[in-house]
C-alpha cells in the first residue's frame, strides 16, 4: 500500500511540476532516480520521462 501511495505521489509531481526526476525520486522516498524508474515501469509500463511528455 505504501509503495502505491509513493508511486501515485511521484506521478502527480511528474505531471504537475518541473522538478528534476532525481528530486522527485528523493521527495517520494526512492533511493535514487533509477529505483523510481524501475518501480514506475513495473507498475505502469512507462518511464518518468514518458509521463512528462
PDB file of N, CA and C in Angstrom:
ATOM      1  N   UNK A   1       0.825  -1.197   0.000  1.00  0.00           N
ATOM      2  CA  UNK A   1       0.000   0.000   0.000  1.00  0.00           C
ATOM      3  C   UNK A   1       0.870   1.263   0.000  1.00  0.00           C
ATOM      4  N   UNK A   2       1.892   1.293   0.834  1.00  0.00           N
ATOM      5  CA  UNK A   2       2.771   2.461   0.887  1.00  0.00           C
ATOM      6  C   UNK A   2       3.454   2.687  -0.459  1.00  0.00           C
ATOM      7  N   UNK A   3       3.851   1.609  -1.112  1.00  0.00           N
ATOM      8  CA  UNK A   3       4.503   1.737  -2.418  1.00  0.00           C
ATOM      9  C   UNK A   3       3.561   2.380  -3.433  1.00  0.00           C
ATOM     10  N   UNK A   4       2.278   2.034  -3.381  1.00  0.00           N
ATOM     11  CA  UNK A   4       1.296   2.631  -4.294  1.00  0.00           C
ATOM     12  C   UNK A   4       1.131   4.118  -4.021  1.00  0.00           C
ATOM     13  N   UNK A   5       1.110   4.503  -2.758  1.00  0.00           N
ATOM     14  CA  UNK A   5       0.971   5.912  -2.385  1.00  0.00           C
ATOM     15  C   UNK A   5       2.184   6.698  -2.868  1.00  0.00           C
ATOM     16  N   UNK A   6       3.380   6.146  -2.652  1.00  0.00           N
ATOM     17  CA  UNK A   6       4.607   6.820  -3.098  1.00  0.00           C
ATOM     18  C   UNK A   6       4.620   6.988  -4.617  1.00  0.00           C
ATOM     19  N   UNK A   7       4.230   5.934  -5.319  1.00  0.00           N
ATOM     20  CA  UNK A   7       4.223   5.980  -6.777  1.00  0.00           C
ATOM     21  C   UNK A   7       3.185   6.975  -7.290  1.00  0.00           C
ATOM     22  N   UNK A   8       2.017   7.005  -6.673  1.00  0.00           N
ATOM     23  CA  UNK A   8       0.974   7.953  -7.069  1.00  0.00           C
ATOM     24  C   UNK A   8       1.447   9.392  -6.864  1.00  0.00           C
ATOM     25  N   UNK A   9       2.118   9.645  -5.735  1.00  0.00           N
ATOM     26  CA  UNK A   9       2.641  10.985  -5.459  1.00  0.00           C
ATOM     27  C   UNK A   9       3.716  11.358  -6.484  1.00  0.00           C
ATOM     28  N   UNK A  10       4.578  10.413  -6.817  1.00  0.00           N
ATOM     29  CA  UNK A  10       5.611  10.667  -7.824  1.00  0.00           C
ATOM     30  C   UNK A  10       4.971  11.002  -9.172  1.00  0.00           C
ATOM     31  N   UNK A  11       3.939  10.273  -9.555  1.00  0.00           N
ATOM     32  CA  UNK A  11       3.240  10.552 -10.815  1.00  0.00           C
ATOM     33  C   UNK A  11       2.646  11.956 -10.811  1.00  0.00           C
ATOM     34  N   UNK A  12       2.041  12.336  -9.694  1.00  0.00           N
ATOM     35  CA  UNK A  12       1.467  13.680  -9.582  1.00  0.00           C
ATOM     36  C   UNK A  12       2.541  14.741  -9.758  1.00  0.00           C
ATOM     37  N   UNK A  13       3.675  14.565  -9.091  1.00  0.00           N
ATOM     38  CA  UNK A  13       4.765  15.533  -9.212  1.00  0.00           C
ATOM     39  C   UNK A  13       5.314  15.577 -10.636  1.00  0.00           C
ATOM     40  N   UNK A  14       5.423  14.428 -11.276  1.00  0.00           N
ATOM     41  CA  UNK A  14       5.910  14.392 -12.660  1.00  0.00           C
ATOM     42  C   UNK A  14       4.972  15.151 -13.599  1.00  0.00           C
ATOM     43  N   UNK A  15       3.674  15.021 -13.343  1.00  0.00           N
ATOM     44  CA  UNK A  15       2.680  15.638 -14.223  1.00  0.00           C
ATOM     45  C   UNK A  15       2.474  17.121 -13.946  1.00  0.00           C
ATOM     46  N   UNK A  16       2.760  17.572 -12.721  1.00  0.00           N
ATOM     47  CA  UNK A  16       2.366  18.933 -12.343  1.00  0.00           C
ATOM     48  C   UNK A  16       3.524  19.862 -11.995  1.00  0.00           C
ATOM     49  N   UNK A  17       4.756  19.362 -11.987  1.00  0.00           N
ATOM     50  CA  UNK A  17       5.893  20.215 -11.652  1.00  0.00           C
ATOM     51  C   UNK A  17       6.994  20.053 -12.689  1.00  0.00           C
ATOM     52  N   UNK A  18       7.960  20.939 -12.605  1.00  0.00           N
ATOM     53  CA  UNK A  18       9.142  20.841 -13.469  1.00  0.00           C
ATOM     54  C   UNK A  18      10.353  20.376 -12.668  1.00  0.00           C
ATOM     55  N   UNK A  19      10.108  19.814 -11.486  1.00  0.00           N
ATOM     56  CA  UNK A  19      11.212  19.321 -10.660  1.00  0.00           C
ATOM     57  C   UNK A  19      11.996  18.249 -11.414  1.00  0.00           C
ATOM     58  N   UNK A  20      13.305  18.203 -11.206  1.00  0.00           N
ATOM     59  CA  UNK A  20      14.092  17.119 -11.812  1.00  0.00           C
ATOM     60  C   UNK A  20      13.603  15.755 -11.309  1.00  0.00           C
ATOM     61  N   UNK A  21      13.702  14.760 -12.153  1.00  0.00           N
ATOM     62  CA  UNK A  21      13.233  13.421 -11.790  1.00  0.00           C
ATOM     63  C   UNK A  21      13.964  12.905 -10.556  1.00  0.00           C
ATOM     64  N   UNK A  22      15.253  13.188 -10.435  1.00  0.00           N
ATOM     65  CA  UNK A  22      16.013  12.753  -9.255  1.00  0.00           C
ATOM     66  C   UNK A  22      15.455  13.388  -7.984  1.00  0.00           C
ATOM     67  N   UNK A  23      15.036  14.637  -8.063  1.00  0.00           N
ATOM     68  CA  UNK A  23      14.446  15.324  -6.908  1.00  0.00           C
ATOM     69  C   UNK A  23      13.099  14.708  -6.546  1.00  0.00           C
ATOM     70  N   UNK A  24      12.309  14.387  -7.544  1.00  0.00           N
ATOM     71  CA  UNK A  24      11.017  13.737  -7.294  1.00  0.00           C
ATOM     72  C   UNK A  24      11.240  12.379  -6.639  1.00  0.00           C
ATOM     73  N   UNK A  25      12.226  11.634  -7.119  1.00  0.00           N
ATOM     74  CA  UNK A  25      12.544  10.336  -6.513  1.00  0.00           C
ATOM     75  C   UNK A  25      12.890  10.513  -5.040  1.00  0.00           C
ATOM     76  N   UNK A  26      13.733  11.483  -4.729  1.00  0.00           N
ATOM     77  CA  UNK A  26      14.134  11.721  -3.342  1.00  0.00           C
ATOM     78  C   UNK A  26      12.940  12.145  -2.487  1.00  0.00           C
ATOM     79  N   UNK A  27      12.111  13.021  -3.006  1.00  0.00           N
ATOM     80  CA  UNK A  27      10.954  13.526  -2.247  1.00  0.00           C
ATOM     81  C   UNK A  27       9.907  12.456  -1.986  1.00  0.00           C
ATOM     82  N   UNK A  28       9.869  11.440  -2.816  1.00  0.00           N
ATOM     83  CA  UNK A  28       8.851  10.405  -2.655  1.00  0.00           C
ATOM     84  C   UNK A  28       9.408   9.118  -2.043  1.00  0.00           C
ATOM     85  N   UNK A  29      10.640   9.182  -1.537  1.00  0.00           N
ATOM     86  CA  UNK A  29      11.174   8.076  -0.755  1.00  0.00           C
ATOM     87  C   UNK A  29      11.919   7.006  -1.519  1.00  0.00           C
ATOM     88  N   UNK A  30      12.237   7.256  -2.777  1.00  0.00           N
ATOM     89  CA  UNK A  30      13.013   6.279  -3.533  1.00  0.00           C
ATOM     90  C   UNK A  30      14.496   6.524  -3.315  1.00  0.00           C
ATOM     91  N   UNK A  31      15.278   5.458  -3.356  1.00  0.00           N
ATOM     92  CA  UNK A  31      16.716   5.544  -3.105  1.00  0.00           C
ATOM     93  C   UNK A  31      17.400   6.451  -4.117  1.00  0.00           C
ATOM     94  N   UNK A  32      16.984   6.339  -5.375  1.00  0.00           N
ATOM     95  CA  UNK A  32      17.545   7.184  -6.429  1.00  0.00           C
ATOM     96  C   UNK A  32      16.602   7.179  -7.631  1.00  0.00           C
ATOM     97  N   UNK A  33      16.986   7.896  -8.656  1.00  0.00           N
ATOM     98  CA  UNK A  33      16.151   8.027  -9.845  1.00  0.00           C
ATOM     99  C   UNK A  33      15.906   6.680 -10.518  1.00  0.00           C
ATOM    100  N   UNK A  34      16.910   5.821 -10.544  1.00  0.00           N
ATOM    101  CA  UNK A  34      16.733   4.531 -11.218  1.00  0.00           C
ATOM    102  C   UNK A  34      15.741   3.642 -10.468  1.00  0.00           C
ATOM    103  N   UNK A  35      15.682   3.760  -9.151  1.00  0.00           N
ATOM    104  CA  UNK A  35      14.704   2.985  -8.380  1.00  0.00           C
ATOM    105  C   UNK A  35      13.286   3.435  -8.730  1.00  0.00           C
ATOM    106  N   UNK A  36      13.084   4.740  -8.817  1.00  0.00           N
ATOM    107  CA  UNK A  36      11.772   5.261  -9.224  1.00  0.00           C
ATOM    108  C   UNK A  36      11.430   4.766 -10.626  1.00  0.00           C
ATOM    109  N   UNK A  37      12.378   4.832 -11.534  1.00  0.00           N
ATOM    110  CA  UNK A  37      12.147   4.390 -12.912  1.00  0.00           C
ATOM    111  C   UNK A  37      11.747   2.919 -12.955  1.00  0.00           C
ATOM    112  N   UNK A  38      12.470   2.070 -12.220  1.00  0.00           N
ATOM    113  CA  UNK A  38      12.153   0.633 -12.187  1.00  0.00           C
ATOM    114  C   UNK A  38      10.737   0.385 -11.671  1.00  0.00           C
ATOM    115  N   UNK A  39      10.384   1.022 -10.558  1.00  0.00           N
ATOM    116  CA  UNK A  39       9.068   0.797  -9.965  1.00  0.00           C
ATOM    117  C   UNK A  39       7.943   1.327 -10.857  1.00  0.00           C
ATOM    118  N   UNK A  40       8.151   2.492 -11.443  1.00  0.00           N
ATOM    119  CA  UNK A  40       7.135   3.072 -12.316  1.00  0.00           C
ATOM    120  C   UNK A  40       6.934   2.211 -13.560  1.00  0.00           C
ATOM    121  N   UNK A  41       8.033   1.738 -14.125  1.00  0.00           N
ATOM    122  CA  UNK A  41       7.944   0.899 -15.326  1.00  0.00           C
ATOM    123  C   UNK A  41       7.262  -0.440 -15.004  1.00  0.00           C
ATOM    124  N   UNK A  42       7.571  -1.014 -13.855  1.00  0.00           N
ATOM    125  CA  UNK A  42       6.957  -2.286 -13.467  1.00  0.00           C
ATOM    126  C   UNK A  42       5.454  -2.130 -13.220  1.00  0.00           C
ATOM    127  N   UNK A  43       5.064  -1.029 -12.599  1.00  0.00           N
ATOM    128  CA  UNK A  43       3.663  -0.837 -12.229  1.00  0.00           C
ATOM    129  C   UNK A  43       2.806  -0.299 -13.373  1.00  0.00           C
ATOM    130  N   UNK A  44       3.374   0.588 -14.191  1.00  0.00           N
ATOM    131  CA  UNK A  44       2.570   1.275 -15.206  1.00  0.00           C
ATOM    132  C   UNK A  44       3.101   1.135 -16.631  1.00  0.00           C
ATOM    133  N   UNK A  45       4.268   0.527 -16.788  1.00  0.00           N
ATOM    134  CA  UNK A  45       4.812   0.317 -18.120  1.00  0.00           C
ATOM    135  C   UNK A  45       5.358   1.561 -18.797  1.00  0.00           C
ATOM    136  N   UNK A  46       5.633   2.605 -18.004  1.00  0.00           N
ATOM    137  CA  UNK A  46       6.177   3.849 -18.562  1.00  0.00           C
ATOM    138  C   UNK A  46       7.358   4.322 -17.728  1.00  0.00           C
ATOM    139  N   UNK A  47       8.178   5.163 -18.333  1.00  0.00           N
ATOM    140  CA  UNK A  47       9.291   5.775 -17.611  1.00  0.00           C
ATOM    141  C   UNK A  47       8.866   7.163 -17.133  1.00  0.00           C
ATOM    142  N   UNK A  48       9.586   7.732 -16.161  1.00  0.00           N
ATOM    143  CA  UNK A  48       9.265   9.087 -15.711  1.00  0.00           C
ATOM    144  C   UNK A  48       9.301  10.104 -16.854  1.00  0.00           C
ATOM    145  N   UNK A  49      10.262   9.972 -17.749  1.00  0.00           N
ATOM    146  CA  UNK A  49      10.354  10.905 -18.877  1.00  0.00           C
ATOM    147  C   UNK A  49       9.125  10.801 -19.779  1.00  0.00           C
ATOM    148  N   UNK A  50       8.612   9.593 -19.971  1.00  0.00           N
ATOM    149  CA  UNK A  50       7.422   9.408 -20.804  1.00  0.00           C
ATOM    150  C   UNK A  50       6.196  10.041 -20.156  1.00  0.00           C
ATOM    151  N   UNK A  51       6.117   9.997 -18.841  1.00  0.00           N
ATOM    152  CA  UNK A  51       4.997  10.626 -18.133  1.00  0.00           C
ATOM    153  C   UNK A  51       5.022  12.128 -18.365  1.00  0.00           C
ATOM    154  N   UNK A  52       6.195  12.696 -18.407  1.00  0.00           N
ATOM    155  CA  UNK A  52       6.347  14.144 -18.604  1.00  0.00           C
ATOM    156  C   UNK A  52       5.899  14.592 -19.993  1.00  0.00           C
ATOM    157  N   UNK A  53       6.003  13.733 -20.985  1.00  0.00           N
ATOM    158  CA  UNK A  53       5.681  14.128 -22.375  1.00  0.00           C
ATOM    159  C   UNK A  53       4.195  14.269 -22.597  1.00  0.00           C
TER     160      UNK A  53
END
